[in-house]
Every structure is written in structure tokens, then in C-alpha cells.
PDB file of N, CA and C in Angstrom:
ATOM      1  N   MET A   1     -99.424  65.996  90.055  1.00  0.00           N
ATOM      2  CA  MET A   1    -100.491  64.947  90.252  1.00  0.00           C
ATOM      3  C   MET A   1    -100.432  63.823  89.018  1.00  0.00           C
ATOM      4  N   ALA A   2    -100.004  64.198  87.858  1.00  0.00           N
ATOM      5  CA  ALA A   2     -99.902  63.638  86.589  1.00  0.00           C
ATOM      6  C   ALA A   2     -99.043  62.373  86.966  1.00  0.00           C
ATOM      7  N   TRP A   3     -97.723  62.646  87.566  1.00  0.00           N
ATOM      8  CA  TRP A   3     -97.147  61.480  88.097  1.00  0.00           C
ATOM      9  C   TRP A   3     -97.634  60.398  88.860  1.00  0.00           C
ATOM     10  N   ILE A   4     -98.260  60.800  89.970  1.00  0.00           N
ATOM     11  CA  ILE A   4     -99.231  59.991  90.805  1.00  0.00           C
ATOM     12  C   ILE A   4    -100.142  59.246  89.941  1.00  0.00           C
ATOM     13  N   VAL A   5    -100.911  59.597  89.232  1.00  0.00           N
ATOM     14  CA  VAL A   5    -101.642  58.893  88.226  1.00  0.00           C
ATOM     15  C   VAL A   5    -101.090  57.951  87.421  1.00  0.00           C
ATOM     16  N   LEU A   6     -99.902  58.526  86.917  1.00  0.00           N
ATOM     17  CA  LEU A   6     -99.482  57.706  86.122  1.00  0.00           C
ATOM     18  C   LEU A   6     -98.804  56.225  86.686  1.00  0.00           C
ATOM     19  N   ILE A   7     -98.223  56.444  88.154  1.00  0.00           N
ATOM     20  CA  ILE A   7     -97.608  55.647  88.712  1.00  0.00           C
ATOM     21  C   ILE A   7     -98.782  54.484  88.895  1.00  0.00           C
ATOM     22  N   VAL A   8    -100.054  54.973  89.445  1.00  0.00           N
ATOM     23  CA  VAL A   8    -100.992  54.336  89.864  1.00  0.00           C
ATOM     24  C   VAL A   8    -101.557  53.357  88.546  1.00  0.00           C
ATOM     25  N   SER A   9    -101.520  54.038  87.503  1.00  0.00           N
ATOM     26  CA  SER A   9    -102.041  53.348  86.302  1.00  0.00           C
ATOM     27  C   SER A   9    -101.157  52.292  85.818  1.00  0.00           C
ATOM     28  N   GLY A  10     -99.631  52.556  85.998  1.00  0.00           N
ATOM     29  CA  GLY A  10     -98.915  51.243  86.022  1.00  0.00           C
ATOM     30  C   GLY A  10     -99.146  50.346  86.643  1.00  0.00           C
ATOM     31  N   ILE A  11     -99.489  50.597  88.142  1.00  0.00           N
ATOM     32  CA  ILE A  11     -99.875  49.358  88.893  1.00  0.00           C
ATOM     33  C   ILE A  11    -101.070  48.787  88.632  1.00  0.00           C
ATOM     34  N   LEU A  12    -102.067  49.477  87.915  1.00  0.00           N
ATOM     35  CA  LEU A  12    -103.314  48.874  87.548  1.00  0.00           C
ATOM     36  C   LEU A  12    -103.031  48.091  86.193  1.00  0.00           C
ATOM     37  N   GLU A  13    -101.887  48.508  85.501  1.00  0.00           N
ATOM     38  CA  GLU A  13    -101.426  47.303  84.530  1.00  0.00           C
ATOM     39  C   GLU A  13    -100.947  45.992  84.842  1.00  0.00           C
ATOM     40  N   THR A  14    -100.461  46.001  86.232  1.00  0.00           N
ATOM     41  CA  THR A  14    -100.028  44.727  86.777  1.00  0.00           C
ATOM     42  C   THR A  14    -101.337  43.993  87.105  1.00  0.00           C
ATOM     43  N   VAL A  15    -102.463  44.714  87.615  1.00  0.00           N
ATOM     44  CA  VAL A  15    -103.486  44.065  87.956  1.00  0.00           C
ATOM     45  C   VAL A  15    -104.383  43.580  86.828  1.00  0.00           C
ATOM     46  N   TRP A  16    -104.322  44.479  85.807  1.00  0.00           N
ATOM     47  CA  TRP A  16    -105.016  43.616  84.635  1.00  0.00           C
ATOM     48  C   TRP A  16    -104.347  42.311  84.034  1.00  0.00           C
ATOM     49  N   ALA A  17    -102.971  42.696  84.095  1.00  0.00           N
ATOM     50  CA  ALA A  17    -102.131  41.475  83.632  1.00  0.00           C
ATOM     51  C   ALA A  17    -102.381  39.893  84.433  1.00  0.00           C
ATOM     52  N   ALA A  18    -102.216  40.246  85.841  1.00  0.00           N
ATOM     53  CA  ALA A  18    -102.617  39.079  86.847  1.00  0.00           C
ATOM     54  C   ALA A  18    -104.131  38.772  86.445  1.00  0.00           C
ATOM     55  N   ALA A  19    -104.896  39.591  86.342  1.00  0.00           N
ATOM     56  CA  ALA A  19    -106.472  39.132  86.027  1.00  0.00           C
ATOM     57  C   ALA A  19    -106.636  38.363  84.810  1.00  0.00           C
ATOM     58  N   LEU A  20    -105.920  38.931  83.818  1.00  0.00           N
ATOM     59  CA  LEU A  20    -105.967  38.125  82.426  1.00  0.00           C
ATOM     60  C   LEU A  20    -105.365  36.831  82.486  1.00  0.00           C
ATOM     61  N   ASN A  21    -104.374  36.498  83.282  1.00  0.00           N
ATOM     62  CA  ASN A  21    -103.929  35.318  83.536  1.00  0.00           C
ATOM     63  C   ASN A  21    -104.951  34.365  84.263  1.00  0.00           C
ATOM     64  N   ALA A  22    -105.607  34.998  85.289  1.00  0.00           N
ATOM     65  CA  ALA A  22    -106.460  34.239  86.289  1.00  0.00           C
ATOM     66  C   ALA A  22    -107.852  33.908  85.463  1.00  0.00           C
ATOM     67  N   ALA A  23    -108.279  34.938  84.336  1.00  0.00           N
ATOM     68  CA  ALA A  23    -109.240  34.731  83.515  1.00  0.00           C
ATOM     69  C   ALA A  23    -109.439  33.385  82.900  1.00  0.00           C
ATOM     70  N   ARG A  24    -108.386  32.899  82.642  1.00  0.00           N
ATOM     71  CA  ARG A  24    -107.893  31.698  81.834  1.00  0.00           C
ATOM     72  C   ARG A  24    -108.731  31.620  80.547  1.00  0.00           C
ATOM     73  N   GLY A  25    -108.282  32.641  79.699  1.00  0.00           N
ATOM     74  CA  GLY A  25    -108.960  32.759  78.340  1.00  0.00           C
ATOM     75  C   GLY A  25    -110.377  33.288  78.311  1.00  0.00           C
ATOM     76  N   PHE A  26    -110.876  33.976  79.226  1.00  0.00           N
ATOM     77  CA  PHE A  26    -112.056  34.709  79.556  1.00  0.00           C
ATOM     78  C   PHE A  26    -113.229  33.738  80.027  1.00  0.00           C
ATOM     79  N   THR A  27    -112.745  32.511  80.681  1.00  0.00           N
ATOM     80  CA  THR A  27    -113.743  31.646  80.963  1.00  0.00           C
ATOM     81  C   THR A  27    -114.238  31.747  82.282  1.00  0.00           C
ATOM     82  N   ARG A  28    -113.430  32.756  83.175  1.00  0.00           N
ATOM     83  CA  ARG A  28    -113.950  32.632  84.399  1.00  0.00           C
ATOM     84  C   ARG A  28    -114.372  34.306  84.714  1.00  0.00           C
ATOM     85  N   LEU A  29    -115.528  34.630  85.041  1.00  0.00           N
ATOM     86  CA  LEU A  29    -116.414  35.628  84.951  1.00  0.00           C
ATOM     87  C   LEU A  29    -115.568  36.930  85.913  1.00  0.00           C
ATOM     88  N   GLY A  30    -115.251  36.596  87.205  1.00  0.00           N
ATOM     89  CA  GLY A  30    -114.614  37.329  87.975  1.00  0.00           C
ATOM     90  C   GLY A  30    -113.503  38.110  87.723  1.00  0.00           C
ATOM     91  N   PRO A  31    -112.401  36.957  87.440  1.00  0.00           N
ATOM     92  CA  PRO A  31    -111.195  37.711  87.031  1.00  0.00           C
ATOM     93  C   PRO A  31    -111.411  38.562  85.584  1.00  0.00           C
ATOM     94  N   SER A  32    -112.466  37.976  84.736  1.00  0.00           N
ATOM     95  CA  SER A  32    -112.693  38.755  83.486  1.00  0.00           C
ATOM     96  C   SER A  32    -113.049  40.225  83.712  1.00  0.00           C
ATOM     97  N   LEU A  33    -113.836  40.289  84.707  1.00  0.00           N
ATOM     98  CA  LEU A  33    -114.426  41.686  85.234  1.00  0.00           C
ATOM     99  C   LEU A  33    -113.145  42.349  85.676  1.00  0.00           C
ATOM    100  N   VAL A  34    -112.336  41.859  86.645  1.00  0.00           N
ATOM    101  CA  VAL A  34    -111.272  42.767  87.109  1.00  0.00           C
ATOM    102  C   VAL A  34    -110.585  43.309  85.943  1.00  0.00           C
ATOM    103  N   PHE A  35    -110.449  42.168  84.832  1.00  0.00           N
ATOM    104  CA  PHE A  35    -109.242  42.833  83.737  1.00  0.00           C
ATOM    105  C   PHE A  35    -109.927  43.809  83.224  1.00  0.00           C
ATOM    106  N   VAL A  36    -111.196  43.846  82.734  1.00  0.00           N
ATOM    107  CA  VAL A  36    -111.790  45.030  82.098  1.00  0.00           C
ATOM    108  C   VAL A  36    -111.817  46.081  82.838  1.00  0.00           C
ATOM    109  N   VAL A  37    -112.178  46.192  84.116  1.00  0.00           N
ATOM    110  CA  VAL A  37    -112.057  47.477  84.750  1.00  0.00           C
ATOM    111  C   VAL A  37    -110.838  47.959  85.191  1.00  0.00           C
ATOM    112  N   ALA A  38    -109.874  47.254  85.438  1.00  0.00           N
ATOM    113  CA  ALA A  38    -108.489  47.383  85.631  1.00  0.00           C
ATOM    114  C   ALA A  38    -107.710  48.104  84.531  1.00  0.00           C
ATOM    115  N   LEU A  39    -108.182  47.593  83.381  1.00  0.00           N
ATOM    116  CA  LEU A  39    -107.401  47.735  82.017  1.00  0.00           C
ATOM    117  C   LEU A  39    -108.140  49.504  81.569  1.00  0.00           C
ATOM    118  N   ALA A  40    -109.430  49.495  81.782  1.00  0.00           N
ATOM    119  CA  ALA A  40    -109.911  50.770  81.346  1.00  0.00           C
ATOM    120  C   ALA A  40    -109.696  51.764  82.288  1.00  0.00           C
ATOM    121  N   ALA A  41    -109.408  51.599  83.632  1.00  0.00           N
ATOM    122  CA  ALA A  41    -108.955  52.549  84.785  1.00  0.00           C
ATOM    123  C   ALA A  41    -107.275  52.817  84.219  1.00  0.00           C
ATOM    124  N   SER A  42    -106.710  52.110  84.107  1.00  0.00           N
ATOM    125  CA  SER A  42    -105.130  52.105  83.660  1.00  0.00           C
ATOM    126  C   SER A  42    -105.016  52.891  82.171  1.00  0.00           C
ATOM    127  N   MET A  43    -105.774  52.630  81.167  1.00  0.00           N
ATOM    128  CA  MET A  43    -105.684  53.481  80.160  1.00  0.00           C
ATOM    129  C   MET A  43    -106.173  54.853  80.306  1.00  0.00           C
ATOM    130  N   ALA A  44    -107.311  54.999  81.129  1.00  0.00           N
ATOM    131  CA  ALA A  44    -107.740  56.387  81.302  1.00  0.00           C
ATOM    132  C   ALA A  44    -106.779  57.229  82.123  1.00  0.00           C
ATOM    133  N   GLY A  45    -106.058  56.542  82.901  1.00  0.00           N
ATOM    134  CA  GLY A  45    -105.217  57.275  83.893  1.00  0.00           C
ATOM    135  C   GLY A  45    -103.844  57.844  82.926  1.00  0.00           C
ATOM    136  N   LEU A  46    -103.271  56.789  82.093  1.00  0.00           N
ATOM    137  CA  LEU A  46    -102.431  56.922  81.215  1.00  0.00           C
ATOM    138  C   LEU A  46    -102.571  58.277  80.241  1.00  0.00           C
ATOM    139  N   ALA A  47    -103.874  58.127  79.669  1.00  0.00           N
ATOM    140  CA  ALA A  47    -104.340  59.087  78.897  1.00  0.00           C
ATOM    141  C   ALA A  47    -104.388  60.741  79.605  1.00  0.00           C
ATOM    142  N   TYR A  48    -104.697  60.640  80.986  1.00  0.00           N
ATOM    143  CA  TYR A  48    -104.592  61.814  81.887  1.00  0.00           C
ATOM    144  C   TYR A  48    -103.419  62.317  82.034  1.00  0.00           C
ATOM    145  N   ALA A  49    -102.520  61.309  82.394  1.00  0.00           N
ATOM    146  CA  ALA A  49    -101.033  61.505  82.704  1.00  0.00           C
ATOM    147  C   ALA A  49    -100.296  62.521  81.524  1.00  0.00           C
ATOM    148  N   MET A  50    -100.808  61.838  80.064  1.00  0.00           N
ATOM    149  CA  MET A  50    -100.013  62.137  78.950  1.00  0.00           C
ATOM    150  C   MET A  50    -100.650  63.664  78.591  1.00  0.00           C
ATOM    151  N   ARG A  51    -101.449  64.304  79.220  1.00  0.00           N
ATOM    152  CA  ARG A  51    -101.606  65.674  79.004  1.00  0.00           C
ATOM    153  C   ARG A  51    -100.668  66.527  79.487  1.00  0.00           C
ATOM    154  N   SER A  52     -99.833  66.215  80.389  1.00  0.00           N
ATOM    155  CA  SER A  52     -98.889  66.783  80.903  1.00  0.00           C
ATOM    156  C   SER A  52     -97.271  66.362  80.766  1.00  0.00           C
ATOM    157  N   ILE A  53     -97.251  65.015  80.714  1.00  0.00           N
ATOM    158  CA  ILE A  53     -96.159  64.276  80.383  1.00  0.00           C
ATOM    159  C   ILE A  53     -95.764  63.899  79.163  1.00  0.00           C
ATOM    160  N   PRO A  54     -94.855  64.132  78.347  1.00  0.00           N
ATOM    161  CA  PRO A  54     -94.647  63.705  77.079  1.00  0.00           C
ATOM    162  C   PRO A  54     -94.864  62.104  76.839  1.00  0.00           C
ATOM    163  N   ILE A  55     -95.484  61.693  75.705  1.00  0.00           N
ATOM    164  CA  ILE A  55     -95.821  60.507  75.299  1.00  0.00           C
ATOM    165  C   ILE A  55     -94.766  59.457  75.526  1.00  0.00           C
ATOM    166  N   GLY A  56     -93.344  59.705  75.270  1.00  0.00           N
ATOM    167  CA  GLY A  56     -92.308  58.747  75.247  1.00  0.00           C
ATOM    168  C   GLY A  56     -92.248  58.380  76.636  1.00  0.00           C
ATOM    169  N   THR A  57     -92.141  59.474  77.439  1.00  0.00           N
ATOM    170  CA  THR A  57     -91.869  59.336  78.984  1.00  0.00           C
ATOM    171  C   THR A  57     -92.798  58.716  79.537  1.00  0.00           C
ATOM    172  N   GLY A  58     -93.987  59.022  79.429  1.00  0.00           N
ATOM    173  CA  GLY A  58     -95.199  58.492  80.230  1.00  0.00           C
ATOM    174  C   GLY A  58     -95.490  57.188  79.832  1.00  0.00           C
ATOM    175  N   TYR A  59     -95.657  56.692  78.433  1.00  0.00           N
ATOM    176  CA  TYR A  59     -95.802  55.306  78.107  1.00  0.00           C
ATOM    177  C   TYR A  59     -94.607  54.455  78.499  1.00  0.00           C
ATOM    178  N   ALA A  60     -93.363  54.853  78.462  1.00  0.00           N
ATOM    179  CA  ALA A  60     -92.197  53.979  79.050  1.00  0.00           C
ATOM    180  C   ALA A  60     -92.245  53.667  80.317  1.00  0.00           C
ATOM    181  N   VAL A  61     -92.655  54.888  81.231  1.00  0.00           N
ATOM    182  CA  VAL A  61     -92.733  54.612  82.580  1.00  0.00           C
ATOM    183  C   VAL A  61     -94.011  53.910  82.829  1.00  0.00           C
ATOM    184  N   TRP A  62     -95.075  54.015  82.156  1.00  0.00           N
ATOM    185  CA  TRP A  62     -96.367  53.094  82.267  1.00  0.00           C
ATOM    186  C   TRP A  62     -96.056  51.740  82.151  1.00  0.00           C
ATOM    187  N   VAL A  63     -95.451  51.224  81.088  1.00  0.00           N
ATOM    188  CA  VAL A  63     -95.087  50.235  80.709  1.00  0.00           C
ATOM    189  C   VAL A  63     -94.078  49.382  81.798  1.00  0.00           C
ATOM    190  N   GLY A  64     -92.992  50.054  81.976  1.00  0.00           N
ATOM    191  CA  GLY A  64     -92.162  49.783  82.899  1.00  0.00           C
ATOM    192  C   GLY A  64     -92.584  49.294  84.214  1.00  0.00           C
ATOM    193  N   ILE A  65     -93.282  50.270  84.541  1.00  0.00           N
ATOM    194  CA  ILE A  65     -94.071  49.635  86.032  1.00  0.00           C
ATOM    195  C   ILE A  65     -94.917  48.655  86.119  1.00  0.00           C
ATOM    196  N   GLY A  66     -95.502  48.553  84.872  1.00  0.00           N
ATOM    197  CA  GLY A  66     -96.392  47.340  84.724  1.00  0.00           C
ATOM    198  C   GLY A  66     -95.692  45.905  84.355  1.00  0.00           C
ATOM    199  N   ALA A  67     -94.597  46.044  83.659  1.00  0.00           N
ATOM    200  CA  ALA A  67     -93.727  45.119  83.266  1.00  0.00           C
ATOM    201  C   ALA A  67     -93.139  44.450  84.521  1.00  0.00           C
ATOM    202  N   LEU A  68     -92.530  45.552  85.472  1.00  0.00           N
ATOM    203  CA  LEU A  68     -91.760  45.124  86.936  1.00  0.00           C
ATOM    204  C   LEU A  68     -92.727  44.565  87.781  1.00  0.00           C
ATOM    205  N   GLY A  69     -94.094  45.159  87.929  1.00  0.00           N
ATOM    206  CA  GLY A  69     -95.094  44.749  88.779  1.00  0.00           C
ATOM    207  C   GLY A  69     -95.468  43.441  88.401  1.00  0.00           C
ATOM    208  N   THR A  70     -95.644  43.019  87.300  1.00  0.00           N
ATOM    209  CA  THR A  70     -96.322  41.709  86.574  1.00  0.00           C
ATOM    210  C   THR A  70     -95.190  40.663  86.792  1.00  0.00           C
ATOM    211  N   ALA A  71     -93.695  41.130  86.650  1.00  0.00           N
ATOM    212  CA  ALA A  71     -92.737  40.189  86.889  1.00  0.00           C
ATOM    213  C   ALA A  71     -92.589  39.767  88.255  1.00  0.00           C
ATOM    214  N   LEU A  72     -92.672  40.700  89.157  1.00  0.00           N
ATOM    215  CA  LEU A  72     -92.632  40.525  90.539  1.00  0.00           C
ATOM    216  C   LEU A  72     -93.792  39.618  90.990  1.00  0.00           C
ATOM    217  N   TYR A  73     -94.930  39.886  90.523  1.00  0.00           N
ATOM    218  CA  TYR A  73     -96.332  39.072  90.987  1.00  0.00           C
ATOM    219  C   TYR A  73     -95.998  37.639  90.358  1.00  0.00           C
ATOM    220  N   GLY A  74     -95.378  37.354  89.138  1.00  0.00           N
ATOM    221  CA  GLY A  74     -95.439  36.060  88.826  1.00  0.00           C
ATOM    222  C   GLY A  74     -94.088  35.444  89.586  1.00  0.00           C
ATOM    223  N   MET A  75     -93.399  36.036  90.380  1.00  0.00           N
ATOM    224  CA  MET A  75     -92.390  35.483  91.153  1.00  0.00           C
ATOM    225  C   MET A  75     -92.712  35.186  92.397  1.00  0.00           C
ATOM    226  N   VAL A  76     -93.526  35.979  93.103  1.00  0.00           N
ATOM    227  CA  VAL A  76     -93.952  35.843  94.180  1.00  0.00           C
ATOM    228  C   VAL A  76     -95.169  35.046  94.488  1.00  0.00           C
ATOM    229  N   ALA A  77     -96.095  35.039  93.586  1.00  0.00           N
ATOM    230  CA  ALA A  77     -97.439  34.585  93.743  1.00  0.00           C
ATOM    231  C   ALA A  77     -97.474  33.378  92.870  1.00  0.00           C
ATOM    232  N   LEU A  78     -96.723  33.346  91.587  1.00  0.00           N
ATOM    233  CA  LEU A  78     -96.858  32.197  90.871  1.00  0.00           C
ATOM    234  C   LEU A  78     -95.877  31.094  90.755  1.00  0.00           C
ATOM    235  N   GLY A  79     -94.915  31.495  91.464  1.00  0.00           N
ATOM    236  CA  GLY A  79     -93.580  30.710  91.713  1.00  0.00           C
ATOM    237  C   GLY A  79     -92.703  30.673  90.473  1.00  0.00           C
ATOM    238  N   GLU A  80     -92.662  31.668  89.768  1.00  0.00           N
ATOM    239  CA  GLU A  80     -91.802  31.878  88.673  1.00  0.00           C
ATOM    240  C   GLU A  80     -90.493  32.232  89.445  1.00  0.00           C
ATOM    241  N   PRO A  81     -89.373  31.545  88.660  1.00  0.00           N
ATOM    242  CA  PRO A  81     -88.067  31.648  89.007  1.00  0.00           C
ATOM    243  C   PRO A  81     -87.454  33.083  89.260  1.00  0.00           C
ATOM    244  N   ALA A  82     -86.871  33.355  90.270  1.00  0.00           N
ATOM    245  CA  ALA A  82     -86.291  34.746  90.580  1.00  0.00           C
ATOM    246  C   ALA A  82     -84.799  34.572  90.560  1.00  0.00           C
ATOM    247  N   THR A  83     -84.228  34.389  89.585  1.00  0.00           N
ATOM    248  CA  THR A  83     -82.914  34.050  89.203  1.00  0.00           C
ATOM    249  C   THR A  83     -82.108  35.664  89.316  1.00  0.00           C
ATOM    250  N   ALA A  84     -80.759  35.555  89.454  1.00  0.00           N
ATOM    251  CA  ALA A  84     -80.008  36.608  89.895  1.00  0.00           C
ATOM    252  C   ALA A  84     -80.107  37.725  88.428  1.00  0.00           C
ATOM    253  N   ALA A  85     -80.267  36.871  87.352  1.00  0.00           N
ATOM    254  CA  ALA A  85     -80.264  37.689  86.170  1.00  0.00           C
ATOM    255  C   ALA A  85     -81.591  38.167  85.763  1.00  0.00           C
ATOM    256  N   ARG A  86     -82.543  37.410  86.257  1.00  0.00           N
ATOM    257  CA  ARG A  86     -84.008  38.089  86.190  1.00  0.00           C
ATOM    258  C   ARG A  86     -83.800  39.423  87.084  1.00  0.00           C
ATOM    259  N   LEU A  87     -83.571  39.241  88.222  1.00  0.00           N
ATOM    260  CA  LEU A  87     -83.565  40.509  89.122  1.00  0.00           C
ATOM    261  C   LEU A  87     -82.806  41.590  88.798  1.00  0.00           C
ATOM    262  N   VAL A  88     -81.605  41.509  88.106  1.00  0.00           N
ATOM    263  CA  VAL A  88     -80.762  42.383  87.487  1.00  0.00           C
ATOM    264  C   VAL A  88     -81.446  43.237  86.618  1.00  0.00           C
ATOM    265  N   CYS A  89     -82.017  42.471  85.705  1.00  0.00           N
ATOM    266  CA  CYS A  89     -82.739  42.752  84.519  1.00  0.00           C
ATOM    267  C   CYS A  89     -83.860  43.980  84.826  1.00  0.00           C
ATOM    268  N   LEU A  90     -84.680  43.261  86.183  1.00  0.00           N
ATOM    269  CA  LEU A  90     -85.817  43.964  86.534  1.00  0.00           C
ATOM    270  C   LEU A  90     -85.288  45.374  87.288  1.00  0.00           C
ATOM    271  N   GLY A  91     -83.784  45.247  87.706  1.00  0.00           N
ATOM    272  CA  GLY A  91     -83.466  46.444  88.269  1.00  0.00           C
ATOM    273  C   GLY A  91     -83.059  47.333  87.347  1.00  0.00           C
ATOM    274  N   LEU A  92     -82.732  46.934  86.012  1.00  0.00           N
ATOM    275  CA  LEU A  92     -82.309  48.051  84.969  1.00  0.00           C
ATOM    276  C   LEU A  92     -83.815  48.757  84.685  1.00  0.00           C
ATOM    277  N   ILE A  93     -84.837  47.873  84.570  1.00  0.00           N
ATOM    278  CA  ILE A  93     -86.128  48.731  84.135  1.00  0.00           C
ATOM    279  C   ILE A  93     -86.241  49.705  85.442  1.00  0.00           C
ATOM    280  N   VAL A  94     -86.171  49.501  86.659  1.00  0.00           N
ATOM    281  CA  VAL A  94     -86.318  50.333  87.518  1.00  0.00           C
ATOM    282  C   VAL A  94     -85.496  51.651  87.255  1.00  0.00           C
ATOM    283  N   ALA A  95     -84.333  51.264  87.045  1.00  0.00           N
ATOM    284  CA  ALA A  95     -83.234  52.452  86.715  1.00  0.00           C
ATOM    285  C   ALA A  95     -83.808  53.332  85.464  1.00  0.00           C
ATOM    286  N   GLY A  96     -84.217  52.601  84.412  1.00  0.00           N
ATOM    287  CA  GLY A  96     -84.529  53.285  83.285  1.00  0.00           C
ATOM    288  C   GLY A  96     -85.881  53.989  83.639  1.00  0.00           C
ATOM    289  N   VAL A  97     -86.989  53.617  84.586  1.00  0.00           N
ATOM    290  CA  VAL A  97     -88.104  54.383  84.908  1.00  0.00           C
ATOM    291  C   VAL A  97     -87.665  55.768  85.721  1.00  0.00           C
ATOM    292  N   VAL A  98     -86.643  55.485  86.806  1.00  0.00           N
ATOM    293  CA  VAL A  98     -86.592  56.403  87.614  1.00  0.00           C
ATOM    294  C   VAL A  98     -85.545  57.461  86.831  1.00  0.00           C
ATOM    295  N   GLY A  99     -84.771  57.179  85.781  1.00  0.00           N
ATOM    296  CA  GLY A  99     -84.003  57.884  85.001  1.00  0.00           C
ATOM    297  C   GLY A  99     -84.927  58.891  84.136  1.00  0.00           C
ATOM    298  N   LEU A 100     -85.908  58.366  83.576  1.00  0.00           N
ATOM    299  CA  LEU A 100     -86.836  58.983  82.897  1.00  0.00           C
ATOM    300  C   LEU A 100     -87.631  60.040  83.597  1.00  0.00           C
ATOM    301  N   LYS A 101     -87.916  59.772  84.958  1.00  0.00           N
ATOM    302  CA  LYS A 101     -88.729  60.657  85.847  1.00  0.00           C
ATOM    303  C   LYS A 101     -87.764  61.923  86.247  1.00  0.00           C
ATOM    304  N   VAL A 102     -86.519  61.687  86.380  1.00  0.00           N
ATOM    305  CA  VAL A 102     -85.602  62.709  86.897  1.00  0.00           C
ATOM    306  C   VAL A 102     -85.144  63.282  85.652  1.00  0.00           C
ATOM    307  N   LEU A 103     -84.929  62.984  84.523  1.00  0.00           N
ATOM    308  CA  LEU A 103     -84.575  63.672  83.325  1.00  0.00           C
ATOM    309  C   LEU A 103     -85.992  64.337  82.727  1.00  0.00           C
ATOM    310  N   HIS A 104     -87.109  64.218  83.287  1.00  0.00           N
ATOM    311  CA  HIS A 104     -88.201  64.835  82.537  1.00  0.00           C
ATOM    312  C   HIS A 104     -88.362  66.347  83.122  1.00  0.00           C
TER     313      HIS A 104
END
């Protein structure tokens, strides 16, 4: 259960990062509220998961999922470049996250 919560929390990290961008310096109420709720839920999920997952593994997986999701969001929704080098680097993040899970 902790791993599922950790994965969802990592996805919520992507949500709050996208909302933070859309909030434009907290000048837009809707995205600002999404940011606050997603951030709180993401942190609460991370805290729950770390009850049974070591901090180094849990935090690295959480950040990795958030970084991957945010980068993909930027490429798909915001038109950021999806170069071969960027995709390879994102693949390395995925490999690291999977490796941490397997070695846990």
C-alpha cells in the first residue's frame, strides 16, 4: 500500500508543479488553490509512505516521479522540446526509480 501511495504522491507532485506554473506567481486563484491542495496531499502521502519505505528510497522515488511527470507535462502540454537527449535522461530517471523499487 505504501508504494501505491508513494506513486500517487509523486504524480501529485507533477500536479502541484503544473499548477504553480499556471498560478503565475499566485496571481490566479484557481491554479493557486490546486497548488496548495496538491502540495499538501503529495506531502501527506510521502509522509505516510515513509512509515515503511526508507527515507532515501522514498524521497528519491517521489522526486523522480515528480520530475519525470513534470518534464513530460512540459513537453506535451507546454511545447517544451522533446529532444533525444532529454528523453534519454528521462529514461535514466525511470531506470533509477525502478531500480530503487526492485532493490528495496
